[in-house]
Amino acid sequence: MNDALTPIEIEEVNRIELKVRNINGEGVLFTEDGRMIGHQIAHMGHYYYMGHGPERVKMFRATFRVDTMKSDVP
């Protein structure tokens, strides 16, 4: 099982860095090349903390709207 702070590596998939930017007082996720990640719902992103003491890490959680999704049933 992966820890929340452990990056997941997938072969043949490039890893990118995400940035949280303040847009009119709201945290919004962008890719490292400046592209906004789509379908984010306003007023739903927030910061929270994981861990205790020196291992405490500031995290950001965002919510996304999904209108339709393909079924994952084989």
Protein backbone atom coordinates (compact mmCIF):
# COMPACT_ATOMS: atom_id res chain seq x y z
CA MET A 1 0.00 0.00 0.00
CA ASN A 2 1.33 3.45 -0.93
CA ASP A 3 1.77 6.08 1.73
CA ALA A 4 0.04 9.39 0.92
CA LEU A 5 3.46 11.04 0.48
CA THR A 6 5.00 8.30 -1.69
CA PRO A 7 4.95 9.14 -5.42
CA ILE A 8 3.36 6.53 -7.66
CA GLU A 9 5.50 5.58 -10.64
CA ILE A 10 3.82 4.30 -13.83
CA GLU A 11 5.96 3.12 -16.73
CA GLU A 12 5.84 5.29 -19.87
CA VAL A 13 3.98 8.10 -18.05
CA ASN A 14 5.79 11.38 -17.50
CA ARG A 15 5.58 12.78 -14.00
CA ILE A 16 4.68 16.45 -13.61
CA GLU A 17 4.71 18.77 -10.64
CA LEU A 18 1.50 20.46 -9.45
CA LYS A 19 1.36 24.00 -8.13
CA VAL A 20 -1.36 25.55 -5.97
CA ARG A 21 -2.02 29.16 -6.93
CA ASN A 22 -4.25 31.72 -5.25
CA ILE A 23 -6.95 32.92 -7.67
CA ASN A 24 -9.30 35.46 -6.06
CA GLY A 25 -8.69 33.92 -2.65
CA GLU A 26 -9.22 30.31 -3.81
CA GLY A 27 -6.53 27.64 -4.09
CA VAL A 28 -6.45 26.32 -7.67
CA LEU A 29 -4.28 23.48 -9.03
CA PHE A 30 -2.04 24.08 -12.05
CA THR A 31 0.55 21.90 -13.77
CA GLU A 32 4.18 23.01 -13.66
CA ASP A 33 3.89 24.45 -17.19
CA GLY A 34 1.07 26.78 -16.07
CA ARG A 35 -1.98 24.87 -17.31
CA MET A 36 -4.99 24.88 -15.00
CA ILE A 37 -6.37 21.44 -14.20
CA GLY A 38 -9.96 21.45 -15.45
CA HIS A 39 -13.28 20.89 -13.71
CA GLN A 40 -12.22 22.22 -10.30
CA ILE A 41 -15.14 23.36 -8.18
CA ALA A 42 -14.81 26.82 -6.65
CA HIS A 43 -14.75 27.12 -2.86
CA MET A 44 -13.86 23.42 -2.45
CA GLY A 45 -10.04 23.40 -2.34
CA HIS A 46 -8.43 23.59 1.07
CA TYR A 47 -5.18 23.13 2.94
CA TYR A 48 -4.76 20.54 5.67
CA TYR A 49 -1.91 18.95 7.61
CA MET A 50 -0.73 15.33 7.85
CA GLY A 51 1.57 13.99 10.56
CA HIS A 52 2.87 15.42 13.79
CA GLY A 53 5.92 17.31 14.97
CA PRO A 54 8.82 17.62 12.53
CA GLU A 55 7.13 15.21 10.11
CA ARG A 56 4.02 17.40 9.80
CA VAL A 57 3.41 18.25 6.12
CA LYS A 58 1.09 20.87 4.63
CA MET A 59 -1.18 19.31 1.98
CA PHE A 60 -3.79 20.68 -0.46
CA ARG A 61 -7.01 18.92 -1.42
CA ALA A 62 -9.19 19.91 -4.38
CA THR A 63 -12.60 18.74 -5.52
CA PHE A 64 -13.42 18.10 -9.18
CA ARG A 65 -16.74 17.91 -10.99
CA VAL A 66 -17.29 14.76 -13.03
CA ASP A 67 -20.36 14.79 -15.30
CA THR A 68 -19.85 11.41 -16.96
CA MET A 69 -17.38 8.60 -16.45
CA LYS A 70 -16.76 5.39 -18.33
CA SER A 71 -17.64 2.31 -16.35
CA ASP A 72 -14.64 0.45 -14.91
CA VAL A 73 -16.54 -2.85 -14.97
CA PRO A 74 -14.78 -5.30 -17.35
